[in-house]
C-alpha atoms as a PDB file:
ATOM      1  CA  MET A   1      12.143  -4.519 -10.645  1.00  0.00           C
ATOM      2  CA  ASN A   2      13.673  -5.537 -13.983  1.00  0.00           C
ATOM      3  CA  LEU A   3      15.863  -8.588 -13.352  1.00  0.00           C
ATOM      4  CA  SER A   4      16.329  -9.555 -17.015  1.00  0.00           C
ATOM      5  CA  GLY A   5      20.054  -8.794 -16.770  1.00  0.00           C
ATOM      6  CA  SER A   6      20.337 -11.179 -13.800  1.00  0.00           C
ATOM      7  CA  MET A   7      18.692 -14.202 -15.410  1.00  0.00           C
ATOM      8  CA  PRO A   8      20.887 -17.303 -15.740  1.00  0.00           C
ATOM      9  CA  VAL A   9      22.282 -17.855 -19.221  1.00  0.00           C
ATOM     10  CA  PRO A  10      22.919 -21.365 -20.567  1.00  0.00           C
ATOM     11  CA  VAL A  11      26.515 -22.113 -21.551  1.00  0.00           C
ATOM     12  CA  PHE A  12      27.082 -24.564 -24.399  1.00  0.00           C
ATOM     13  CA  ASP A  13      30.221 -26.668 -24.600  1.00  0.00           C
ATOM     14  CA  VAL A  14      31.070 -29.339 -27.157  1.00  0.00           C
ATOM     15  CA  ASP A  15      29.100 -32.073 -25.400  1.00  0.00           C
ATOM     16  CA  GLN A  16      27.086 -30.381 -22.638  1.00  0.00           C
ATOM     17  CA  MET A  17      24.974 -27.421 -21.659  1.00  0.00           C
ATOM     18  CA  SER A  18      25.176 -25.875 -18.199  1.00  0.00           C
ATOM     19  CA  LEU A  19      23.234 -23.255 -16.285  1.00  0.00           C
ATOM     20  CA  SER A  20      24.394 -21.712 -13.001  1.00  0.00           C
ATOM     21  CA  PHE A  21      22.054 -19.907 -10.627  1.00  0.00           C
ATOM     22  CA  TYR A  22      21.779 -18.617  -7.069  1.00  0.00           C
ATOM     23  CA  ALA A  23      19.957 -21.209  -4.978  1.00  0.00           C
ATOM     24  CA  GLY A  24      20.279 -19.768  -1.486  1.00  0.00           C
ATOM     25  CA  ALA A  25      17.026 -17.813  -1.298  1.00  0.00           C
ATOM     26  CA  ALA A  26      14.747 -19.032   1.489  1.00  0.00           C
ATOM     27  CA  GLY A  27      11.299 -20.233   0.458  1.00  0.00           C
ATOM     28  CA  ILE A  28      12.151 -20.745  -3.221  1.00  0.00           C
ATOM     29  CA  THR A  29      12.350 -24.181  -4.811  1.00  0.00           C
ATOM     30  CA  TYR A  30      14.210 -24.536  -8.102  1.00  0.00           C
ATOM     31  CA  VAL A  31      13.396 -27.202 -10.674  1.00  0.00           C
ATOM     32  CA  VAL A  32      15.577 -27.765 -13.721  1.00  0.00           C
ATOM     33  CA  GLU A  33      14.211 -29.902 -16.548  1.00  0.00           C
ATOM     34  CA  THR A  34      15.291 -30.669 -20.094  1.00  0.00           C
ATOM     35  CA  SER A  35      13.550 -31.671 -23.286  1.00  0.00           C
ATOM     36  CA  THR A  36      14.501 -32.304 -26.886  1.00  0.00           C
ATOM     37  CA  ARG A  37      11.059 -31.296 -28.214  1.00  0.00           C
ATOM     38  CA  LEU A  38       9.479 -29.424 -25.294  1.00  0.00           C
ATOM     39  CA  ALA A  39       6.741 -32.044 -25.333  1.00  0.00           C
ATOM     40  CA  LYS A  40       8.082 -34.104 -22.442  1.00  0.00           C
ATOM     41  CA  LEU A  41      10.222 -32.506 -19.771  1.00  0.00           C
ATOM     42  CA  GLU A  42      12.743 -34.778 -18.066  1.00  0.00           C
ATOM     43  CA  HIS A  43      14.576 -34.588 -14.744  1.00  0.00           C
ATOM     44  CA  ASP A  44      16.824 -37.609 -15.166  1.00  0.00           C
ATOM     45  CA  ARG A  45      19.109 -36.028 -17.780  1.00  0.00           C
ATOM     46  CA  VAL A  46      20.016 -33.128 -15.470  1.00  0.00           C
ATOM     47  CA  THR A  47      22.965 -33.287 -13.073  1.00  0.00           C
ATOM     48  CA  LEU A  48      23.020 -30.713 -10.266  1.00  0.00           C
ATOM     49  CA  SER A  49      26.213 -29.691  -8.505  1.00  0.00           C
ATOM     50  CA  GLY A  50      26.237 -29.034  -4.807  1.00  0.00           C
ATOM     51  CA  PRO A  51      26.058 -25.372  -3.801  1.00  0.00           C
ATOM     52  CA  ASP A  52      29.375 -23.543  -3.730  1.00  0.00           C
ATOM     53  CA  ALA A  53      30.400 -21.077  -1.006  1.00  0.00           C
ATOM     54  CA  ASN A  54      28.163 -18.408  -2.619  1.00  0.00           C
ATOM     55  CA  GLN A  55      25.126 -20.760  -2.852  1.00  0.00           C
ATOM     56  CA  ILE A  56      25.499 -21.114  -6.634  1.00  0.00           C
ATOM     57  CA  LEU A  57      24.273 -24.398  -8.154  1.00  0.00           C
ATOM     58  CA  THR A  58      25.110 -25.578 -11.654  1.00  0.00           C
ATOM     59  CA  ALA A  59      22.733 -27.756 -13.680  1.00  0.00           C
ATOM     60  CA  THR A  60      24.436 -29.740 -16.441  1.00  0.00           C
ATOM     61  CA  VAL A  61      22.872 -31.637 -19.340  1.00  0.00           C
ATOM     62  CA  ASN A  62      24.902 -33.880 -21.619  1.00  0.00           C
ATOM     63  CA  LEU A  63      24.137 -33.237 -25.267  1.00  0.00           C
ATOM     64  CA  ASP A  64      23.618 -36.337 -27.360  1.00  0.00           C
ATOM     65  CA  GLY A  65      23.446 -34.842 -30.842  1.00  0.00           C
ATOM     66  CA  GLN A  66      19.839 -33.675 -30.461  1.00  0.00           C
ATOM     67  CA  ALA A  67      18.848 -30.099 -29.765  1.00  0.00           C
ATOM     68  CA  ALA A  68      18.271 -29.508 -26.075  1.00  0.00           C
ATOM     69  CA  SER A  69      16.412 -26.896 -24.116  1.00  0.00           C
ATOM     70  CA  CYS A  70      16.675 -26.223 -20.434  1.00  0.00           C
ATOM     71  CA  ALA A  71      13.835 -24.755 -18.412  1.00  0.00           C
ATOM     72  CA  TRP A  72      14.032 -23.606 -14.833  1.00  0.00           C
ATOM     73  CA  TRP A  73      11.552 -22.105 -12.408  1.00  0.00           C
END
């Protein structure tokens, strides 16, 4: 099954990046990490919202002038 059209897409704002995804699937654990150089992934820069009525979570990373990447799995 090709799910490439269903993959979460990061949204960039002036001072933050966010990524929303479905988190209601049983037996799946989601981890969202960030890095400025992909050498050291960090959890502490990521803020997770609570799930909404449709089980959608949003991960938000404040941008501090450095390039940021967001990985999830």
